[in-house]
């Protein structure tokens, strides 16, 4: 299976071709593939860990208590968090300009307080 299939380039008489559109497409395709990969990882994590937790808990004397049934989910979950950060970036929750917005908000509150 070919991962990145593009239509053949149309011949152009312009000697200074601009491939920025194709490069942007490839970057966007790579990002979408990374997001799809993360969601598959998440789905497999949920299914496998539900199965493992039930299997271990039902076949052990301690049942659902203790760390045993949840060990795999815990350590795999740490890896899943790093995968999430690798795909979506550390600015996913706050946004890239969150800090500037908060600073401006607090400065505005200070201005109102001194007026």
PDB file of N, CA and C in Angstrom:
ATOM      1  N   UNK A   1       0.852  -1.175   0.000  1.00  0.00           N
ATOM      2  CA  UNK A   1       0.000   0.000   0.000  1.00  0.00           C
ATOM      3  C   UNK A   1       0.892   1.230   0.000  1.00  0.00           C
ATOM      4  N   UNK A   2       0.656   2.099  -0.936  1.00  0.00           N
ATOM      5  CA  UNK A   2       1.443   3.324  -1.049  1.00  0.00           C
ATOM      6  C   UNK A   2       0.868   4.375  -0.120  1.00  0.00           C
ATOM      7  N   UNK A   3       1.713   4.936   0.741  1.00  0.00           N
ATOM      8  CA  UNK A   3       1.240   5.852   1.771  1.00  0.00           C
ATOM      9  C   UNK A   3       0.865   7.221   1.196  1.00  0.00           C
ATOM     10  N   UNK A   4       1.703   7.778   0.333  1.00  0.00           N
ATOM     11  CA  UNK A   4       1.457   9.114  -0.202  1.00  0.00           C
ATOM     12  C   UNK A   4       1.396   9.031  -1.719  1.00  0.00           C
ATOM     13  N   UNK A   5       0.216   8.934  -2.246  1.00  0.00           N
ATOM     14  CA  UNK A   5       0.085   8.904  -3.694  1.00  0.00           C
ATOM     15  C   UNK A   5      -0.422  10.261  -4.159  1.00  0.00           C
ATOM     16  N   UNK A   6       0.306  10.852  -5.070  1.00  0.00           N
ATOM     17  CA  UNK A   6      -0.059  12.149  -5.625  1.00  0.00           C
ATOM     18  C   UNK A   6      -0.329  11.994  -7.114  1.00  0.00           C
ATOM     19  N   UNK A   7      -1.161  12.837  -7.614  1.00  0.00           N
ATOM     20  CA  UNK A   7      -1.392  12.869  -9.048  1.00  0.00           C
ATOM     21  C   UNK A   7      -0.112  13.346  -9.723  1.00  0.00           C
ATOM     22  N   UNK A   8       0.140  12.874 -10.926  1.00  0.00           N
ATOM     23  CA  UNK A   8       1.335  13.354 -11.630  1.00  0.00           C
ATOM     24  C   UNK A   8       1.261  14.861 -11.872  1.00  0.00           C
ATOM     25  N   UNK A   9       2.418  15.481 -11.872  1.00  0.00           N
ATOM     26  CA  UNK A   9       2.480  16.921 -12.102  1.00  0.00           C
ATOM     27  C   UNK A   9       2.044  17.238 -13.521  1.00  0.00           C
ATOM     28  N   UNK A  10       1.314  18.315 -13.654  1.00  0.00           N
ATOM     29  CA  UNK A  10       0.966  18.791 -14.982  1.00  0.00           C
ATOM     30  C   UNK A  10       2.167  19.544 -15.528  1.00  0.00           C
ATOM     31  N   UNK A  11       2.445  19.316 -16.764  1.00  0.00           N
ATOM     32  CA  UNK A  11       3.577  20.001 -17.374  1.00  0.00           C
ATOM     33  C   UNK A  11       3.286  21.492 -17.466  1.00  0.00           C
ATOM     34  N   UNK A  12       4.272  22.264 -17.107  1.00  0.00           N
ATOM     35  CA  UNK A  12       4.124  23.704 -17.128  1.00  0.00           C
ATOM     36  C   UNK A  12       5.264  24.294 -17.932  1.00  0.00           C
ATOM     37  N   UNK A  13       4.966  25.361 -18.632  1.00  0.00           N
ATOM     38  CA  UNK A  13       6.010  26.021 -19.395  1.00  0.00           C
ATOM     39  C   UNK A  13       6.824  26.949 -18.518  1.00  0.00           C
ATOM     40  N   UNK A  14       6.335  27.248 -17.315  1.00  0.00           N
ATOM     41  CA  UNK A  14       7.041  28.131 -16.398  1.00  0.00           C
ATOM     42  C   UNK A  14       8.249  27.392 -15.836  1.00  0.00           C
ATOM     43  N   UNK A  15       9.433  27.968 -15.982  1.00  0.00           N
ATOM     44  CA  UNK A  15      10.652  27.303 -15.512  1.00  0.00           C
ATOM     45  C   UNK A  15      10.810  27.406 -14.001  1.00  0.00           C
ATOM     46  N   UNK A  16      10.149  28.351 -13.373  1.00  0.00           N
ATOM     47  CA  UNK A  16      10.228  28.521 -11.916  1.00  0.00           C
ATOM     48  C   UNK A  16       8.978  27.945 -11.259  1.00  0.00           C
ATOM     49  N   UNK A  17       8.834  26.627 -11.298  1.00  0.00           N
ATOM     50  CA  UNK A  17       7.668  25.995 -10.688  1.00  0.00           C
ATOM     51  C   UNK A  17       7.659  26.219  -9.189  1.00  0.00           C
ATOM     52  N   UNK A  18       6.477  26.307  -8.652  1.00  0.00           N
ATOM     53  CA  UNK A  18       6.331  26.492  -7.216  1.00  0.00           C
ATOM     54  C   UNK A  18       5.700  25.224  -6.648  1.00  0.00           C
ATOM     55  N   UNK A  19       6.468  24.495  -5.835  1.00  0.00           N
ATOM     56  CA  UNK A  19       5.991  23.244  -5.269  1.00  0.00           C
ATOM     57  C   UNK A  19       5.467  23.415  -3.845  1.00  0.00           C
ATOM     58  N   UNK A  20       5.212  24.639  -3.462  1.00  0.00           N
ATOM     59  CA  UNK A  20       4.749  24.866  -2.090  1.00  0.00           C
ATOM     60  C   UNK A  20       3.421  24.182  -1.807  1.00  0.00           C
ATOM     61  N   UNK A  21       2.532  24.150  -2.777  1.00  0.00           N
ATOM     62  CA  UNK A  21       1.234  23.517  -2.562  1.00  0.00           C
ATOM     63  C   UNK A  21       1.389  22.018  -2.298  1.00  0.00           C
ATOM     64  N   UNK A  22       2.249  21.369  -3.076  1.00  0.00           N
ATOM     65  CA  UNK A  22       2.485  19.945  -2.859  1.00  0.00           C
ATOM     66  C   UNK A  22       3.158  19.687  -1.513  1.00  0.00           C
ATOM     67  N   UNK A  23       4.090  20.547  -1.133  1.00  0.00           N
ATOM     68  CA  UNK A  23       4.761  20.399   0.160  1.00  0.00           C
ATOM     69  C   UNK A  23       3.772  20.608   1.298  1.00  0.00           C
ATOM     70  N   UNK A  24       2.879  21.569   1.156  1.00  0.00           N
ATOM     71  CA  UNK A  24       1.861  21.808   2.175  1.00  0.00           C
ATOM     72  C   UNK A  24       0.927  20.604   2.279  1.00  0.00           C
ATOM     73  N   UNK A  25       0.584  20.020   1.128  1.00  0.00           N
ATOM     74  CA  UNK A  25      -0.263  18.831   1.139  1.00  0.00           C
ATOM     75  C   UNK A  25       0.419  17.683   1.870  1.00  0.00           C
ATOM     76  N   UNK A  26       1.695  17.467   1.590  1.00  0.00           N
ATOM     77  CA  UNK A  26       2.418  16.374   2.243  1.00  0.00           C
ATOM     78  C   UNK A  26       2.531  16.594   3.749  1.00  0.00           C
ATOM     79  N   UNK A  27       2.764  17.847   4.170  1.00  0.00           N
ATOM     80  CA  UNK A  27       2.818  18.133   5.612  1.00  0.00           C
ATOM     81  C   UNK A  27       1.460  17.900   6.259  1.00  0.00           C
ATOM     82  N   UNK A  28       0.392  18.346   5.588  1.00  0.00           N
ATOM     83  CA  UNK A  28      -0.962  18.152   6.127  1.00  0.00           C
ATOM     84  C   UNK A  28      -1.301  16.668   6.184  1.00  0.00           C
ATOM     85  N   UNK A  29      -0.941  15.925   5.157  1.00  0.00           N
ATOM     86  CA  UNK A  29      -1.197  14.485   5.127  1.00  0.00           C
ATOM     87  C   UNK A  29      -0.440  13.784   6.247  1.00  0.00           C
ATOM     88  N   UNK A  30       0.784  14.187   6.497  1.00  0.00           N
ATOM     89  CA  UNK A  30       1.581  13.598   7.577  1.00  0.00           C
ATOM     90  C   UNK A  30       0.945  13.884   8.937  1.00  0.00           C
ATOM     91  N   UNK A  31       0.445  15.099   9.128  1.00  0.00           N
ATOM     92  CA  UNK A  31      -0.218  15.462  10.377  1.00  0.00           C
ATOM     93  C   UNK A  31      -1.499  14.654  10.575  1.00  0.00           C
ATOM     94  N   UNK A  32      -2.292  14.510   9.513  1.00  0.00           N
ATOM     95  CA  UNK A  32      -3.526  13.726   9.596  1.00  0.00           C
ATOM     96  C   UNK A  32      -3.211  12.260   9.902  1.00  0.00           C
ATOM     97  N   UNK A  33      -2.170  11.717   9.278  1.00  0.00           N
ATOM     98  CA  UNK A  33      -1.769  10.338   9.564  1.00  0.00           C
ATOM     99  C   UNK A  33      -1.342  10.177  11.022  1.00  0.00           C
ATOM    100  N   UNK A  34      -0.659  11.172  11.570  1.00  0.00           N
ATOM    101  CA  UNK A  34      -0.258  11.117  12.978  1.00  0.00           C
ATOM    102  C   UNK A  34      -1.477  11.148  13.897  1.00  0.00           C
ATOM    103  N   UNK A  35      -2.467  11.967  13.565  1.00  0.00           N
ATOM    104  CA  UNK A  35      -3.687  12.040  14.373  1.00  0.00           C
ATOM    105  C   UNK A  35      -4.452  10.717  14.302  1.00  0.00           C
ATOM    106  N   UNK A  36      -4.573  10.157  13.107  1.00  0.00           N
ATOM    107  CA  UNK A  36      -5.240   8.859  12.949  1.00  0.00           C
ATOM    108  C   UNK A  36      -4.491   7.795  13.741  1.00  0.00           C
ATOM    109  N   UNK A  37      -3.165   7.824  13.687  1.00  0.00           N
ATOM    110  CA  UNK A  37      -2.357   6.873  14.443  1.00  0.00           C
ATOM    111  C   UNK A  37      -2.597   6.984  15.939  1.00  0.00           C
ATOM    112  N   UNK A  38      -2.726   8.213  16.429  1.00  0.00           N
ATOM    113  CA  UNK A  38      -3.000   8.394  17.858  1.00  0.00           C
ATOM    114  C   UNK A  38      -4.363   7.821  18.225  1.00  0.00           C
ATOM    115  N   UNK A  39      -5.391   8.079  17.415  1.00  0.00           N
ATOM    116  CA  UNK A  39      -6.724   7.577  17.737  1.00  0.00           C
ATOM    117  C   UNK A  39      -6.784   6.049  17.690  1.00  0.00           C
ATOM    118  N   UNK A  40      -6.047   5.431  16.774  1.00  0.00           N
ATOM    119  CA  UNK A  40      -5.957   3.971  16.767  1.00  0.00           C
ATOM    120  C   UNK A  40      -5.263   3.478  18.030  1.00  0.00           C
ATOM    121  N   UNK A  41      -4.195   4.152  18.420  1.00  0.00           N
ATOM    122  CA  UNK A  41      -3.477   3.794  19.644  1.00  0.00           C
ATOM    123  C   UNK A  41      -4.423   3.877  20.837  1.00  0.00           C
ATOM    124  N   UNK A  42      -5.207   4.942  20.912  1.00  0.00           N
ATOM    125  CA  UNK A  42      -6.167   5.127  22.006  1.00  0.00           C
ATOM    126  C   UNK A  42      -7.224   4.025  22.003  1.00  0.00           C
ATOM    127  N   UNK A  43      -7.746   3.684  20.835  1.00  0.00           N
ATOM    128  CA  UNK A  43      -8.775   2.644  20.746  1.00  0.00           C
ATOM    129  C   UNK A  43      -8.229   1.289  21.181  1.00  0.00           C
ATOM    130  N   UNK A  44      -7.031   0.952  20.727  1.00  0.00           N
ATOM    131  CA  UNK A  44      -6.416  -0.315  21.119  1.00  0.00           C
ATOM    132  C   UNK A  44      -6.137  -0.314  22.621  1.00  0.00           C
ATOM    133  N   UNK A  45      -5.685   0.815  23.143  1.00  0.00           N
ATOM    134  CA  UNK A  45      -5.430   0.945  24.584  1.00  0.00           C
ATOM    135  C   UNK A  45      -6.687   0.635  25.391  1.00  0.00           C
ATOM    136  N   UNK A  46      -7.804   1.217  24.999  1.00  0.00           N
ATOM    137  CA  UNK A  46      -9.054   1.019  25.744  1.00  0.00           C
ATOM    138  C   UNK A  46      -9.495  -0.439  25.671  1.00  0.00           C
ATOM    139  N   UNK A  47      -9.538  -1.007  24.484  1.00  0.00           N
ATOM    140  CA  UNK A  47     -10.027  -2.384  24.318  1.00  0.00           C
ATOM    141  C   UNK A  47      -9.130  -3.376  25.043  1.00  0.00           C
ATOM    142  N   UNK A  48      -7.833  -3.290  24.820  1.00  0.00           N
ATOM    143  CA  UNK A  48      -6.907  -4.247  25.423  1.00  0.00           C
ATOM    144  C   UNK A  48      -6.908  -4.125  26.938  1.00  0.00           C
ATOM    145  N   UNK A  49      -6.927  -2.907  27.454  1.00  0.00           N
ATOM    146  CA  UNK A  49      -6.866  -2.755  28.905  1.00  0.00           C
ATOM    147  C   UNK A  49      -8.159  -3.157  29.598  1.00  0.00           C
ATOM    148  N   UNK A  50      -9.300  -2.959  28.983  1.00  0.00           N
ATOM    149  CA  UNK A  50     -10.544  -3.482  29.563  1.00  0.00           C
ATOM    150  C   UNK A  50     -10.457  -5.003  29.651  1.00  0.00           C
ATOM    151  N   UNK A  51      -9.993  -5.627  28.578  1.00  0.00           N
ATOM    152  CA  UNK A  51      -9.838  -7.081  28.563  1.00  0.00           C
ATOM    153  C   UNK A  51      -8.851  -7.534  29.644  1.00  0.00           C
ATOM    154  N   UNK A  52      -7.686  -6.883  29.723  1.00  0.00           N
ATOM    155  CA  UNK A  52      -6.675  -7.295  30.701  1.00  0.00           C
ATOM    156  C   UNK A  52      -7.126  -7.072  32.143  1.00  0.00           C
ATOM    157  N   UNK A  53      -7.765  -5.962  32.400  1.00  0.00           N
ATOM    158  CA  UNK A  53      -8.232  -5.684  33.766  1.00  0.00           C
ATOM    159  C   UNK A  53      -9.255  -6.734  34.190  1.00  0.00           C
ATOM    160  N   UNK A  54     -10.196  -7.040  33.308  1.00  0.00           N
ATOM    161  CA  UNK A  54     -11.186  -8.065  33.634  1.00  0.00           C
ATOM    162  C   UNK A  54     -10.541  -9.433  33.801  1.00  0.00           C
ATOM    163  N   UNK A  55      -9.646  -9.777  32.905  1.00  0.00           N
ATOM    164  CA  UNK A  55      -8.979 -11.074  32.957  1.00  0.00           C
ATOM    165  C   UNK A  55      -8.171 -11.240  34.243  1.00  0.00           C
ATOM    166  N   UNK A  56      -7.374 -10.257  34.570  1.00  0.00           N
ATOM    167  CA  UNK A  56      -6.536 -10.347  35.771  1.00  0.00           C
ATOM    168  C   UNK A  56      -7.384 -10.290  37.037  1.00  0.00           C
ATOM    169  N   UNK A  57      -8.345  -9.401  37.074  1.00  0.00           N
ATOM    170  CA  UNK A  57      -9.150  -9.239  38.286  1.00  0.00           C
ATOM    171  C   UNK A  57     -10.021 -10.463  38.558  1.00  0.00           C
ATOM    172  N   UNK A  58     -10.584 -11.040  37.536  1.00  0.00           N
ATOM    173  CA  UNK A  58     -11.466 -12.185  37.737  1.00  0.00           C
ATOM    174  C   UNK A  58     -10.707 -13.468  38.041  1.00  0.00           C
ATOM    175  N   UNK A  59      -9.428 -13.526  37.691  1.00  0.00           N
ATOM    176  CA  UNK A  59      -8.633 -14.729  37.924  1.00  0.00           C
ATOM    177  C   UNK A  59      -7.657 -14.594  39.076  1.00  0.00           C
ATOM    178  N   UNK A  60      -7.768 -13.536  39.840  1.00  0.00           N
ATOM    179  CA  UNK A  60      -6.871 -13.386  40.984  1.00  0.00           C
ATOM    180  C   UNK A  60      -7.680 -13.388  42.276  1.00  0.00           C
ATOM    181  N   UNK A  61      -6.995 -13.665  43.354  1.00  0.00           N
ATOM    182  CA  UNK A  61      -7.666 -13.713  44.648  1.00  0.00           C
ATOM    183  C   UNK A  61      -8.080 -12.326  45.134  1.00  0.00           C
ATOM    184  N   UNK A  62      -7.285 -11.303  44.778  1.00  0.00           N
ATOM    185  CA  UNK A  62      -7.580  -9.957  45.274  1.00  0.00           C
ATOM    186  C   UNK A  62      -8.676  -9.256  44.463  1.00  0.00           C
ATOM    187  N   UNK A  63      -9.060  -9.815  43.320  1.00  0.00           N
ATOM    188  CA  UNK A  63     -10.115  -9.215  42.505  1.00  0.00           C
ATOM    189  C   UNK A  63      -9.680  -7.895  41.896  1.00  0.00           C
ATOM    190  N   UNK A  64     -10.533  -6.889  42.023  1.00  0.00           N
ATOM    191  CA  UNK A  64     -10.240  -5.587  41.434  1.00  0.00           C
ATOM    192  C   UNK A  64      -9.421  -4.692  42.352  1.00  0.00           C
ATOM    193  N   UNK A  65      -9.089  -5.162  43.525  1.00  0.00           N
ATOM    194  CA  UNK A  65      -8.303  -4.336  44.443  1.00  0.00           C
ATOM    195  C   UNK A  65      -6.815  -4.541  44.183  1.00  0.00           C
ATOM    196  N   UNK A  66      -6.039  -3.579  44.600  1.00  0.00           N
ATOM    197  CA  UNK A  66      -4.593  -3.649  44.396  1.00  0.00           C
ATOM    198  C   UNK A  66      -4.174  -3.037  43.074  1.00  0.00           C
ATOM    199  N   UNK A  67      -2.874  -3.059  42.848  1.00  0.00           N
ATOM    200  CA  UNK A  67      -2.307  -2.422  41.662  1.00  0.00           C
ATOM    201  C   UNK A  67      -2.232  -3.375  40.471  1.00  0.00           C
ATOM    202  N   UNK A  68      -2.277  -4.675  40.716  1.00  0.00           N
ATOM    203  CA  UNK A  68      -2.078  -5.687  39.675  1.00  0.00           C
ATOM    204  C   UNK A  68      -2.931  -5.517  38.445  1.00  0.00           C
ATOM    205  N   UNK A  69      -4.247  -5.424  38.592  1.00  0.00           N
ATOM    206  CA  UNK A  69      -5.076  -5.318  37.391  1.00  0.00           C
ATOM    207  C   UNK A  69      -4.858  -4.033  36.599  1.00  0.00           C
ATOM    208  N   UNK A  70      -4.347  -3.021  37.250  1.00  0.00           N
ATOM    209  CA  UNK A  70      -4.239  -1.706  36.607  1.00  0.00           C
ATOM    210  C   UNK A  70      -2.808  -1.336  36.192  1.00  0.00           C
ATOM    211  N   UNK A  71      -1.852  -2.213  36.427  1.00  0.00           N
ATOM    212  CA  UNK A  71      -0.448  -1.897  36.140  1.00  0.00           C
ATOM    213  C   UNK A  71      -0.223  -1.631  34.650  1.00  0.00           C
ATOM    214  N   UNK A  72      -0.707  -2.518  33.816  1.00  0.00           N
ATOM    215  CA  UNK A  72      -0.518  -2.351  32.367  1.00  0.00           C
ATOM    216  C   UNK A  72      -1.176  -1.065  31.878  1.00  0.00           C
ATOM    217  N   UNK A  73      -2.383  -0.814  32.333  1.00  0.00           N
ATOM    218  CA  UNK A  73      -3.092   0.396  31.913  1.00  0.00           C
ATOM    219  C   UNK A  73      -2.360   1.643  32.370  1.00  0.00           C
ATOM    220  N   UNK A  74      -1.781   1.597  33.560  1.00  0.00           N
ATOM    221  CA  UNK A  74      -1.069   2.765  34.082  1.00  0.00           C
ATOM    222  C   UNK A  74       0.167   3.081  33.253  1.00  0.00           C
ATOM    223  N   UNK A  75       1.009   2.079  33.048  1.00  0.00           N
ATOM    224  CA  UNK A  75       2.260   2.350  32.329  1.00  0.00           C
ATOM    225  C   UNK A  75       2.035   2.587  30.845  1.00  0.00           C
ATOM    226  N   UNK A  76       1.104   1.881  30.254  1.00  0.00           N
ATOM    227  CA  UNK A  76       0.768   2.123  28.857  1.00  0.00           C
ATOM    228  C   UNK A  76       0.127   3.500  28.721  1.00  0.00           C
ATOM    229  N   UNK A  77      -0.654   3.910  29.722  1.00  0.00           N
ATOM    230  CA  UNK A  77      -1.273   5.235  29.717  1.00  0.00           C
ATOM    231  C   UNK A  77      -0.241   6.354  29.720  1.00  0.00           C
ATOM    232  N   UNK A  78       0.863   6.147  30.445  1.00  0.00           N
ATOM    233  CA  UNK A  78       1.941   7.144  30.430  1.00  0.00           C
ATOM    234  C   UNK A  78       2.497   7.278  29.015  1.00  0.00           C
ATOM    235  N   UNK A  79       2.710   6.142  28.352  1.00  0.00           N
ATOM    236  CA  UNK A  79       3.166   6.179  26.966  1.00  0.00           C
ATOM    237  C   UNK A  79       2.159   6.837  26.043  1.00  0.00           C
ATOM    238  N   UNK A  80       0.886   6.608  26.300  1.00  0.00           N
ATOM    239  CA  UNK A  80      -0.176   7.215  25.494  1.00  0.00           C
ATOM    240  C   UNK A  80      -0.197   8.734  25.667  1.00  0.00           C
ATOM    241  N   UNK A  81       0.073   9.201  26.869  1.00  0.00           N
ATOM    242  CA  UNK A  81       0.150  10.653  27.113  1.00  0.00           C
ATOM    243  C   UNK A  81       1.284  11.265  26.299  1.00  0.00           C
ATOM    244  N   UNK A  82       2.441  10.597  26.275  1.00  0.00           N
ATOM    245  CA  UNK A  82       3.556  11.107  25.473  1.00  0.00           C
ATOM    246  C   UNK A  82       3.234  11.075  23.984  1.00  0.00           C
ATOM    247  N   UNK A  83       2.521  10.056  23.541  1.00  0.00           N
ATOM    248  CA  UNK A  83       2.094  10.009  22.140  1.00  0.00           C
ATOM    249  C   UNK A  83       1.159  11.176  21.838  1.00  0.00           C
ATOM    250  N   UNK A  84       0.220  11.460  22.743  1.00  0.00           N
ATOM    251  CA  UNK A  84      -0.700  12.590  22.589  1.00  0.00           C
ATOM    252  C   UNK A  84       0.076  13.902  22.462  1.00  0.00           C
ATOM    253  N   UNK A  85       1.047  14.102  23.361  1.00  0.00           N
ATOM    254  CA  UNK A  85       1.831  15.339  23.315  1.00  0.00           C
ATOM    255  C   UNK A  85       2.657  15.430  22.036  1.00  0.00           C
ATOM    256  N   UNK A  86       3.132  14.298  21.547  1.00  0.00           N
ATOM    257  CA  UNK A  86       3.890  14.293  20.296  1.00  0.00           C
ATOM    258  C   UNK A  86       3.038  14.646  19.093  1.00  0.00           C
ATOM    259  N   UNK A  87       1.777  14.245  19.118  1.00  0.00           N
ATOM    260  CA  UNK A  87       0.886  14.503  17.984  1.00  0.00           C
ATOM    261  C   UNK A  87       0.283  15.902  18.058  1.00  0.00           C
ATOM    262  N   UNK A  88      -0.280  16.255  19.208  1.00  0.00           N
ATOM    263  CA  UNK A  88      -1.011  17.510  19.322  1.00  0.00           C
ATOM    264  C   UNK A  88      -0.176  18.652  19.889  1.00  0.00           C
ATOM    265  N   UNK A  89       0.947  18.357  20.476  1.00  0.00           N
ATOM    266  CA  UNK A  89       1.812  19.395  21.019  1.00  0.00           C
ATOM    267  C   UNK A  89       1.429  19.783  22.432  1.00  0.00           C
ATOM    268  N   UNK A  90       2.386  20.374  23.140  1.00  0.00           N
ATOM    269  CA  UNK A  90       2.121  20.751  24.532  1.00  0.00           C
ATOM    270  C   UNK A  90       1.160  21.923  24.668  1.00  0.00           C
ATOM    271  N   UNK A  91       0.922  22.666  23.599  1.00  0.00           N
ATOM    272  CA  UNK A  91       0.028  23.828  23.658  1.00  0.00           C
ATOM    273  C   UNK A  91      -1.419  23.466  23.361  1.00  0.00           C
ATOM    274  N   UNK A  92      -1.761  22.186  23.353  1.00  0.00           N
ATOM    275  CA  UNK A  92      -3.109  21.750  23.000  1.00  0.00           C
ATOM    276  C   UNK A  92      -4.159  22.300  23.963  1.00  0.00           C
ATOM    277  N   UNK A  93      -3.892  22.253  25.257  1.00  0.00           N
ATOM    278  CA  UNK A  93      -4.890  22.651  26.243  1.00  0.00           C
ATOM    279  C   UNK A  93      -5.007  24.160  26.372  1.00  0.00           C
ATOM    280  N   UNK A  94      -3.893  24.865  26.330  1.00  0.00           N
ATOM    281  CA  UNK A  94      -3.919  26.297  26.564  1.00  0.00           C
ATOM    282  C   UNK A  94      -3.857  27.111  25.284  1.00  0.00           C
ATOM    283  N   UNK A  95      -3.434  26.566  24.202  1.00  0.00           N
ATOM    284  CA  UNK A  95      -3.289  27.303  22.953  1.00  0.00           C
ATOM    285  C   UNK A  95      -1.958  28.028  22.915  1.00  0.00           C
ATOM    286  N   UNK A  96      -1.565  28.443  21.734  1.00  0.00           N
ATOM    287  CA  UNK A  96      -0.249  29.053  21.579  1.00  0.00           C
ATOM    288  C   UNK A  96      -0.180  30.464  22.151  1.00  0.00           C
ATOM    289  N   UNK A  97      -1.294  31.175  22.190  1.00  0.00           N
ATOM    290  CA  UNK A  97      -1.250  32.547  22.703  1.00  0.00           C
ATOM    291  C   UNK A  97      -2.033  32.693  24.005  1.00  0.00           C
ATOM    292  N   UNK A  98      -2.237  31.593  24.718  1.00  0.00           N
ATOM    293  CA  UNK A  98      -2.968  31.617  25.980  1.00  0.00           C
ATOM    294  C   UNK A  98      -2.286  32.525  26.994  1.00  0.00           C
ATOM    295  N   UNK A  99      -0.970  32.443  27.069  1.00  0.00           N
ATOM    296  CA  UNK A  99      -0.224  33.235  28.047  1.00  0.00           C
ATOM    297  C   UNK A  99      -0.420  34.726  27.803  1.00  0.00           C
ATOM    298  N   UNK A 100      -0.338  35.144  26.558  1.00  0.00           N
ATOM    299  CA  UNK A 100      -0.529  36.562  26.244  1.00  0.00           C
ATOM    300  C   UNK A 100      -1.941  37.034  26.574  1.00  0.00           C
ATOM    301  N   UNK A 101      -2.934  36.197  26.315  1.00  0.00           N
ATOM    302  CA  UNK A 101      -4.317  36.560  26.645  1.00  0.00           C
ATOM    303  C   UNK A 101      -4.494  36.722  28.147  1.00  0.00           C
ATOM    304  N   UNK A 102      -3.913  35.817  28.938  1.00  0.00           N
ATOM    305  CA  UNK A 102      -4.040  35.906  30.390  1.00  0.00           C
ATOM    306  C   UNK A 102      -3.325  37.144  30.933  1.00  0.00           C
ATOM    307  N   UNK A 103      -2.150  37.441  30.409  1.00  0.00           N
ATOM    308  CA  UNK A 103      -1.422  38.632  30.849  1.00  0.00           C
ATOM    309  C   UNK A 103      -2.250  39.875  30.563  1.00  0.00           C
ATOM    310  N   UNK A 104      -2.820  39.948  29.365  1.00  0.00           N
ATOM    311  CA  UNK A 104      -3.650  41.096  28.999  1.00  0.00           C
ATOM    312  C   UNK A 104      -4.885  41.186  29.893  1.00  0.00           C
ATOM    313  N   UNK A 105      -5.475  40.046  30.216  1.00  0.00           N
ATOM    314  CA  UNK A 105      -6.647  40.031  31.090  1.00  0.00           C
ATOM    315  C   UNK A 105      -6.305  40.578  32.475  1.00  0.00           C
ATOM    316  N   UNK A 106      -5.194  40.142  33.049  1.00  0.00           N
ATOM    317  CA  UNK A 106      -4.805  40.621  34.378  1.00  0.00           C
ATOM    318  C   UNK A 106      -4.369  42.084  34.354  1.00  0.00           C
ATOM    319  N   UNK A 107      -3.745  42.515  33.276  1.00  0.00           N
ATOM    320  CA  UNK A 107      -3.372  43.926  33.153  1.00  0.00           C
ATOM    321  C   UNK A 107      -4.628  44.795  33.092  1.00  0.00           C
ATOM    322  N   UNK A 108      -5.645  44.320  32.381  1.00  0.00           N
ATOM    323  CA  UNK A 108      -6.902  45.063  32.295  1.00  0.00           C
ATOM    324  C   UNK A 108      -7.574  45.154  33.663  1.00  0.00           C
ATOM    325  N   UNK A 109      -7.526  44.081  34.432  1.00  0.00           N
ATOM    326  CA  UNK A 109      -8.079  44.115  35.780  1.00  0.00           C
ATOM    327  C   UNK A 109      -7.338  45.124  36.661  1.00  0.00           C
ATOM    328  N   UNK A 110      -6.019  45.184  36.517  1.00  0.00           N
ATOM    329  CA  UNK A 110      -5.226  46.143  37.278  1.00  0.00           C
ATOM    330  C   UNK A 110      -5.563  47.578  36.877  1.00  0.00           C
ATOM    331  N   UNK A 111      -5.749  47.818  35.582  1.00  0.00           N
ATOM    332  CA  UNK A 111      -6.096  49.160  35.118  1.00  0.00           C
ATOM    333  C   UNK A 111      -7.430  49.606  35.709  1.00  0.00           C
ATOM    334  N   UNK A 112      -8.407  48.692  35.695  1.00  0.00           N
ATOM    335  CA  UNK A 112      -9.722  49.015  36.261  1.00  0.00           C
ATOM    336  C   UNK A 112      -9.630  49.249  37.751  1.00  0.00           C
ATOM    337  N   UNK A 113      -8.780  48.521  38.428  1.00  0.00           N
ATOM    338  CA  UNK A 113      -8.630  48.669  39.868  1.00  0.00           C
ATOM    339  C   UNK A 113      -8.046  50.024  40.243  1.00  0.00           C
ATOM    340  N   UNK A 114      -7.160  50.540  39.424  1.00  0.00           N
ATOM    341  CA  UNK A 114      -6.497  51.824  39.746  1.00  0.00           C
ATOM    342  C   UNK A 114      -7.276  53.019  39.222  1.00  0.00           C
ATOM    343  N   UNK A 115      -8.315  52.828  38.463  1.00  0.00           N
ATOM    344  CA  UNK A 115      -9.094  53.952  37.951  1.00  0.00           C
ATOM    345  C   UNK A 115     -10.079  54.479  38.965  1.00  0.00           C
TER     346      UNK A 115
END
